[in-house]
């Protein structure tokens, strides 16, 4: 018990050090930036679940359409008879969409282990509690940490075939070049025959896209601003959150949908012993939600060393789950 507690405290300390260093580095750069992966503390998890339930946030229903109504196609693509595998979900969240696939795989007596990866230990606890209640037969190994660290952990735990899920258009949290590097790194960690199922949000009417990230209820704004509150709490900072405002843009040519926080005045923020200065109207680059064309998806798969096995679109053709093979 003592050894386990020491390991947990060491892990938390490592995460805290990484959080602090990345925040200070980002806010000292020009332009200032913060990593969107740190949105997800307990409050951030709750706010993001509210975002996914918003009528404007079409992405949830698009991919849910695939996982609810085309589950047989998904299972046919990712599994073979009598072949065991590990189903690894990057950024699993509460597994709301993947739960439909998990239930059907269990119902078909498929030999697999579910390994959800998330940076938020809180949401992994919620996920495991839900899975234990709704799919008690499911073999599950939650992995808390960064994607690639936990992919290495999953490979260490088991040498079975890997099927990696990256859902929700999460690849859009990177620009095209970052996405290429990310997919190439996933490819490097997998073996021949392994699969990578990745969700892409297609370019569409720009009004539809902008409304999804700039909702009238202000939930997305609260989600972005909550990161400042987390920095105050965990890094002993003194952000006046009311002196920052959410701002959203979408460029339909490049497909880049970007969110910022705007400083409403000249101000100084202290983070531990570090002082960060903001000018009035200075921006913090918070997040990109990249949208893709069909050709973008093909180019990304090819450039990162994958072969497109099959693709499954939602009923509106607004979204695709593209299944790539090593």
Protein backbone atom coordinates (compact mmCIF):
# COMPACT_ATOMS: atom_id res chain seq x y z
CA UNK A 1 0.00 0.00 0.00
CA UNK A 2 2.83 2.42 0.93
CA UNK A 3 4.73 1.62 -2.28
CA UNK A 4 1.58 2.20 -4.35
CA UNK A 5 0.93 5.52 -2.60
CA UNK A 6 4.53 6.64 -3.18
CA UNK A 7 4.21 5.74 -6.87
CA UNK A 8 0.95 7.71 -7.18
CA UNK A 9 2.48 10.76 -5.46
CA UNK A 10 5.55 10.57 -7.72
CA UNK A 11 3.29 10.38 -10.79
CA UNK A 12 1.23 13.38 -9.62
CA UNK A 13 4.41 15.35 -8.98
CA UNK A 14 5.67 14.56 -12.48
CA UNK A 15 2.37 15.71 -14.01
CA UNK A 16 2.46 18.90 -11.92
CA UNK A 17 6.03 19.68 -13.01
CA UNK A 18 5.11 19.15 -16.67
CA UNK A 19 2.00 21.32 -16.31
CA UNK A 20 3.99 24.14 -14.68
CA UNK A 21 6.83 24.09 -17.22
CA UNK A 22 4.49 24.01 -20.23
CA UNK A 23 2.32 26.83 -18.87
CA UNK A 24 5.33 29.06 -18.17
CA UNK A 25 6.91 28.28 -21.53
CA UNK A 26 3.65 28.93 -23.38
CA UNK A 27 2.87 32.23 -21.64
CA UNK A 28 6.45 33.43 -22.19
CA UNK A 29 6.27 32.83 -25.94
CA UNK A 30 5.11 35.25 -28.63
CA UNK A 31 2.24 34.92 -29.28
CA UNK A 32 1.24 33.50 -25.89
CA UNK A 33 -0.30 30.03 -25.91
CA UNK A 34 -1.63 27.32 -23.60
CA UNK A 35 -1.91 23.59 -24.34
CA UNK A 36 -5.52 22.47 -24.76
CA UNK A 37 -4.71 19.07 -23.25
CA UNK A 38 -4.78 20.79 -19.85
CA UNK A 39 -8.43 21.83 -20.21
CA UNK A 40 -9.46 18.58 -18.55
CA UNK A 41 -9.57 18.86 -14.79
CA UNK A 42 -12.77 17.84 -12.96
CA UNK A 43 -14.57 21.06 -13.95
CA UNK A 44 -13.22 20.90 -17.49
CA UNK A 45 -14.43 17.32 -17.86
CA UNK A 46 -17.92 18.36 -16.78
CA UNK A 47 -17.98 21.39 -19.10
CA UNK A 48 -16.82 19.32 -22.06
CA UNK A 49 -19.60 16.81 -21.45
CA UNK A 50 -22.00 19.78 -21.56
CA UNK A 51 -20.41 20.94 -24.82
CA UNK A 52 -20.93 17.51 -26.38
CA UNK A 53 -24.62 17.72 -25.41
CA UNK A 54 -25.14 21.15 -27.02
CA UNK A 55 -27.41 21.24 -30.10
CA UNK A 56 -24.78 23.31 -31.96
CA UNK A 57 -22.03 20.77 -31.33
CA UNK A 58 -22.78 18.50 -34.28
CA UNK A 59 -19.60 16.39 -33.93
CA UNK A 60 -21.00 14.21 -31.15
CA UNK A 61 -24.09 13.18 -33.11
CA UNK A 62 -22.11 12.63 -36.32
CA UNK A 63 -19.73 10.08 -34.81
CA UNK A 64 -22.46 8.70 -32.56
CA UNK A 65 -24.42 7.96 -35.74
CA UNK A 66 -21.52 5.77 -36.89
CA UNK A 67 -21.04 3.98 -33.57
CA UNK A 68 -24.77 3.45 -32.97
CA UNK A 69 -25.90 2.50 -36.47
CA UNK A 70 -22.82 1.07 -38.20
CA UNK A 71 -21.33 -1.00 -35.42
CA UNK A 72 -21.30 -4.18 -37.52
CA UNK A 73 -19.21 -2.39 -40.16
CA UNK A 74 -16.78 -1.24 -37.48
CA UNK A 75 -16.46 -4.73 -35.99
CA UNK A 76 -15.96 -6.30 -39.43
CA UNK A 77 -13.17 -3.82 -40.15
CA UNK A 78 -11.24 -4.13 -36.89
CA UNK A 79 -11.55 -7.78 -35.88
CA UNK A 80 -11.09 -11.22 -37.41
CA UNK A 81 -12.59 -14.48 -36.16
CA UNK A 82 -10.54 -16.03 -33.35
CA UNK A 83 -8.05 -13.13 -33.31
CA UNK A 84 -7.46 -11.52 -29.92
CA UNK A 85 -6.46 -7.87 -29.65
CA UNK A 86 -6.13 -4.83 -27.41
CA UNK A 87 -8.54 -1.97 -28.11
CA UNK A 88 -6.73 1.22 -27.10
CA UNK A 89 -8.64 4.51 -27.03
CA UNK A 90 -6.60 7.73 -27.00
CA UNK A 91 -8.37 10.51 -25.09
CA UNK A 92 -11.18 8.16 -24.09
CA UNK A 93 -13.11 10.66 -21.95
CA UNK A 94 -16.28 8.97 -20.69
CA UNK A 95 -16.29 6.50 -23.65
CA UNK A 96 -19.84 7.54 -24.52
CA UNK A 97 -19.42 6.71 -28.24
CA UNK A 98 -17.07 3.75 -27.98
CA UNK A 99 -19.36 2.08 -25.42
CA UNK A 100 -21.66 1.00 -28.29
CA UNK A 101 -18.75 -0.78 -29.94
CA UNK A 102 -17.60 -2.27 -26.64
CA UNK A 103 -21.06 -3.69 -25.88
CA UNK A 104 -21.32 -5.35 -29.29
CA UNK A 105 -17.80 -6.78 -29.10
CA UNK A 106 -18.55 -8.27 -25.67
CA UNK A 107 -21.92 -9.60 -26.91
CA UNK A 108 -20.09 -11.39 -29.75
CA UNK A 109 -17.68 -12.95 -27.19
CA UNK A 110 -14.73 -11.20 -28.85
CA UNK A 111 -11.41 -11.80 -27.11
CA UNK A 112 -10.15 -8.28 -26.44
CA UNK A 113 -9.02 -5.97 -23.66
CA UNK A 114 -10.10 -2.33 -23.57
CA UNK A 115 -7.33 0.12 -22.65
CA UNK A 116 -8.68 3.69 -22.37
CA UNK A 117 -5.97 6.36 -22.22
CA UNK A 118 -6.65 9.82 -20.84
CA UNK A 119 -4.66 12.58 -19.15
CA UNK A 120 -7.55 13.05 -16.70
CA UNK A 121 -7.61 10.52 -13.87
CA UNK A 122 -11.01 11.90 -12.87
CA UNK A 123 -12.69 11.03 -16.16
CA UNK A 124 -11.03 7.59 -16.22
CA UNK A 125 -12.59 6.90 -12.82
CA UNK A 126 -15.99 7.92 -14.21
CA UNK A 127 -15.42 5.71 -17.26
CA UNK A 128 -14.43 2.65 -15.25
CA UNK A 129 -17.38 3.04 -12.90
CA UNK A 130 -19.75 3.29 -15.87
CA UNK A 131 -18.21 0.29 -17.62
CA UNK A 132 -18.30 -1.85 -14.47
CA UNK A 133 -22.00 -1.07 -14.16
CA UNK A 134 -23.12 -1.34 -17.81
CA UNK A 135 -20.66 -3.91 -19.26
CA UNK A 136 -19.46 -5.94 -16.25
CA UNK A 137 -17.90 -8.61 -18.51
CA UNK A 138 -15.57 -6.06 -20.15
CA UNK A 139 -11.86 -6.55 -19.53
CA UNK A 140 -10.55 -3.02 -18.92
CA UNK A 141 -7.16 -1.52 -18.06
CA UNK A 142 -7.36 2.30 -17.69
CA UNK A 143 -4.10 4.14 -18.41
CA UNK A 144 -3.67 7.69 -17.08
CA UNK A 145 -1.09 9.85 -18.79
CA UNK A 146 0.19 11.23 -22.11
CA UNK A 147 -0.79 9.36 -25.28
CA UNK A 148 2.62 8.08 -26.34
CA UNK A 149 3.79 7.23 -22.83
CA UNK A 150 0.67 5.14 -22.34
CA UNK A 151 0.95 3.54 -25.79
CA UNK A 152 4.38 2.34 -24.67
CA UNK A 153 2.78 1.07 -21.44
CA UNK A 154 0.09 -0.78 -23.42
CA UNK A 155 2.77 -2.42 -25.56
CA UNK A 156 4.66 -3.42 -22.41
CA UNK A 157 1.52 -4.93 -20.85
CA UNK A 158 0.58 -7.00 -23.90
CA UNK A 159 2.12 -8.04 -27.23
CA UNK A 160 -1.25 -8.77 -28.87
CA UNK A 161 -2.51 -7.01 -32.00
CA UNK A 162 -3.36 -3.36 -31.32
CA UNK A 163 -6.44 -1.48 -32.53
CA UNK A 164 -6.03 2.20 -31.62
CA UNK A 165 -9.05 4.53 -31.55
CA UNK A 166 -8.70 8.31 -31.83
CA UNK A 167 -12.28 9.58 -31.93
CA UNK A 168 -14.24 12.81 -31.74
CA UNK A 169 -12.21 14.66 -34.32
CA UNK A 170 -9.44 14.93 -31.70
CA UNK A 171 -6.90 14.90 -34.52
CA UNK A 172 -8.28 18.38 -35.22
CA UNK A 173 -6.59 19.66 -32.06
CA UNK A 174 -3.46 19.83 -34.23
CA UNK A 175 -2.73 21.72 -37.41
CA UNK A 176 -1.96 19.67 -40.52
CA UNK A 177 1.80 19.44 -39.90
CA UNK A 178 1.35 18.55 -36.21
CA UNK A 179 -1.20 15.89 -37.22
CA UNK A 180 1.31 14.42 -39.67
CA UNK A 181 3.97 14.17 -36.96
CA UNK A 182 1.45 12.70 -34.50
CA UNK A 183 0.23 10.01 -36.91
CA UNK A 184 3.82 9.16 -37.88
CA UNK A 185 4.66 8.65 -34.19
CA UNK A 186 1.60 6.40 -33.70
CA UNK A 187 2.73 4.43 -36.75
CA UNK A 188 6.23 4.07 -35.27
CA UNK A 189 4.80 2.50 -32.10
CA UNK A 190 2.62 -0.05 -33.93
CA UNK A 191 3.42 -3.33 -35.71
CA UNK A 192 2.41 -4.70 -39.12
CA UNK A 193 -1.27 -5.61 -39.07
CA UNK A 194 -2.13 -3.16 -36.28
CA UNK A 195 -4.97 -0.71 -36.95
CA UNK A 196 -5.57 2.98 -36.31
CA UNK A 197 -9.21 4.17 -36.38
CA UNK A 198 -9.23 7.93 -36.53
CA UNK A 199 -12.16 10.37 -36.69
CA UNK A 200 -12.05 13.37 -39.05
CA UNK A 201 -14.46 16.29 -39.13
CA UNK A 202 -14.93 17.38 -42.74
CA UNK A 203 -15.02 20.98 -43.94
CA UNK A 204 -18.64 22.12 -44.32
CA UNK A 205 -20.78 25.28 -44.11
CA UNK A 206 -18.60 27.70 -42.09
CA UNK A 207 -21.62 28.98 -40.12
CA UNK A 208 -22.28 25.43 -38.88
CA UNK A 209 -18.68 25.01 -37.77
CA UNK A 210 -18.36 28.40 -36.09
CA UNK A 211 -21.61 27.91 -34.13
CA UNK A 212 -20.29 24.61 -32.74
CA UNK A 213 -17.36 26.40 -31.07
CA UNK A 214 -19.02 29.71 -30.20
CA UNK A 215 -22.28 28.61 -28.57
CA UNK A 216 -24.77 31.22 -27.41
CA UNK A 217 -24.90 29.73 -23.89
CA UNK A 218 -21.20 30.47 -23.39
CA UNK A 219 -20.25 26.91 -22.37
CA UNK A 220 -17.24 26.84 -24.70
CA UNK A 221 -16.10 30.19 -23.30
CA UNK A 222 -16.35 28.80 -19.75
CA UNK A 223 -14.43 25.70 -20.87
CA UNK A 224 -11.54 27.84 -22.15
CA UNK A 225 -11.55 30.22 -19.18
CA UNK A 226 -11.55 27.30 -16.73
CA UNK A 227 -7.93 26.60 -17.66
CA UNK A 228 -6.98 29.94 -16.07
CA UNK A 229 -8.86 28.91 -12.92
CA UNK A 230 -6.98 25.59 -12.91
CA UNK A 231 -3.65 27.42 -13.22
CA UNK A 232 -4.66 29.63 -10.27
CA UNK A 233 -5.51 26.59 -8.15
CA UNK A 234 -2.69 24.22 -9.04
CA UNK A 235 0.16 26.61 -9.82
CA UNK A 236 -0.64 29.31 -7.23
CA UNK A 237 -1.31 31.98 -9.87
CA UNK A 238 -3.51 35.07 -9.61
CA UNK A 239 -5.33 35.33 -12.96
CA UNK A 240 -8.37 37.61 -12.79
CA UNK A 241 -10.53 35.44 -15.03
CA UNK A 242 -13.06 38.24 -15.53
CA UNK A 243 -10.34 40.25 -17.31
CA UNK A 244 -10.15 37.70 -20.15
CA UNK A 245 -12.69 37.05 -22.91
CA UNK A 246 -13.20 34.09 -25.24
CA UNK A 247 -12.82 34.73 -28.99
CA UNK A 248 -13.46 32.20 -31.79
CA UNK A 249 -12.46 32.21 -35.47
CA UNK A 250 -12.90 29.87 -38.45
CA UNK A 251 -11.03 30.03 -41.77
CA UNK A 252 -13.01 27.94 -44.30
CA UNK A 253 -10.06 27.88 -46.74
CA UNK A 254 -7.45 26.37 -44.42
CA UNK A 255 -10.05 24.59 -42.24
CA UNK A 256 -8.52 26.04 -39.05
CA UNK A 257 -11.07 26.78 -36.31
CA UNK A 258 -9.18 28.54 -33.52
CA UNK A 259 -10.06 29.76 -30.04
CA UNK A 260 -8.30 32.51 -28.11
CA UNK A 261 -8.55 34.32 -24.82
CA UNK A 262 -8.27 38.13 -25.07
CA UNK A 263 -6.77 40.23 -22.29
CA UNK A 264 -9.23 43.07 -21.63
CA UNK A 265 -6.62 45.39 -20.08
CA UNK A 266 -2.94 45.86 -19.34
CA UNK A 267 -2.25 43.45 -16.50
CA UNK A 268 0.36 41.42 -14.66
CA UNK A 269 -0.20 37.81 -13.60
CA UNK A 270 1.99 36.01 -11.09
CA UNK A 271 2.57 32.25 -11.31
CA UNK A 272 4.58 31.25 -8.25
CA UNK A 273 7.57 33.61 -8.49
CA UNK A 274 7.15 34.31 -12.21
CA UNK A 275 5.49 37.46 -13.56
CA UNK A 276 3.66 37.38 -16.90
CA UNK A 277 2.69 40.70 -18.50
CA UNK A 278 -0.34 41.16 -20.78
CA UNK A 279 -1.15 44.18 -22.90
CA UNK A 280 -4.78 45.15 -23.51
CA UNK A 281 -6.19 43.03 -26.38
CA UNK A 282 -3.23 40.62 -26.28
CA UNK A 283 -4.22 37.05 -27.16
CA UNK A 284 -3.60 33.63 -25.66
CA UNK A 285 -3.78 30.95 -28.37
CA UNK A 286 -5.86 28.22 -26.69
CA UNK A 287 -6.91 25.59 -29.20
CA UNK A 288 -7.20 24.68 -32.85
CA UNK A 289 -10.00 22.46 -34.19
CA UNK A 290 -8.78 21.62 -37.67
CA UNK A 291 -11.28 20.57 -40.35
CA UNK A 292 -10.27 18.31 -43.23
CA UNK A 293 -11.07 17.60 -46.87
CA UNK A 294 -11.24 14.01 -48.19
CA UNK A 295 -7.89 14.58 -49.91
CA UNK A 296 -6.37 15.83 -46.65
CA UNK A 297 -7.24 12.49 -45.02
CA UNK A 298 -5.72 10.47 -47.88
CA UNK A 299 -2.55 12.55 -47.85
CA UNK A 300 -2.19 12.30 -44.08
CA UNK A 301 -2.50 8.50 -44.10
CA UNK A 302 0.04 8.15 -46.91
CA UNK A 303 2.52 10.64 -45.46
CA UNK A 304 2.50 8.98 -42.04
CA UNK A 305 3.04 5.46 -43.38
CA UNK A 306 -0.46 3.94 -43.18
CA UNK A 307 -2.70 2.23 -45.72
CA UNK A 308 -6.40 3.18 -45.65
CA UNK A 309 -8.26 -0.08 -45.05
CA UNK A 310 -11.80 1.33 -45.17
CA UNK A 311 -13.80 4.44 -44.27
CA UNK A 312 -17.20 4.76 -42.58
CA UNK A 313 -19.13 8.01 -42.93
CA UNK A 314 -22.04 9.35 -40.91
CA UNK A 315 -25.42 9.69 -42.66
CA UNK A 316 -24.79 13.39 -43.50
CA UNK A 317 -21.25 12.78 -44.80
CA UNK A 318 -20.08 15.46 -42.36
CA UNK A 319 -17.69 13.13 -40.53
CA UNK A 320 -15.63 10.01 -41.27
CA UNK A 321 -14.03 7.28 -39.17
CA UNK A 322 -11.09 6.29 -41.33
CA UNK A 323 -9.50 2.93 -40.54
CA UNK A 324 -5.80 2.69 -41.33
CA UNK A 325 -3.52 -0.36 -41.31
CA UNK A 326 0.19 -0.65 -40.71
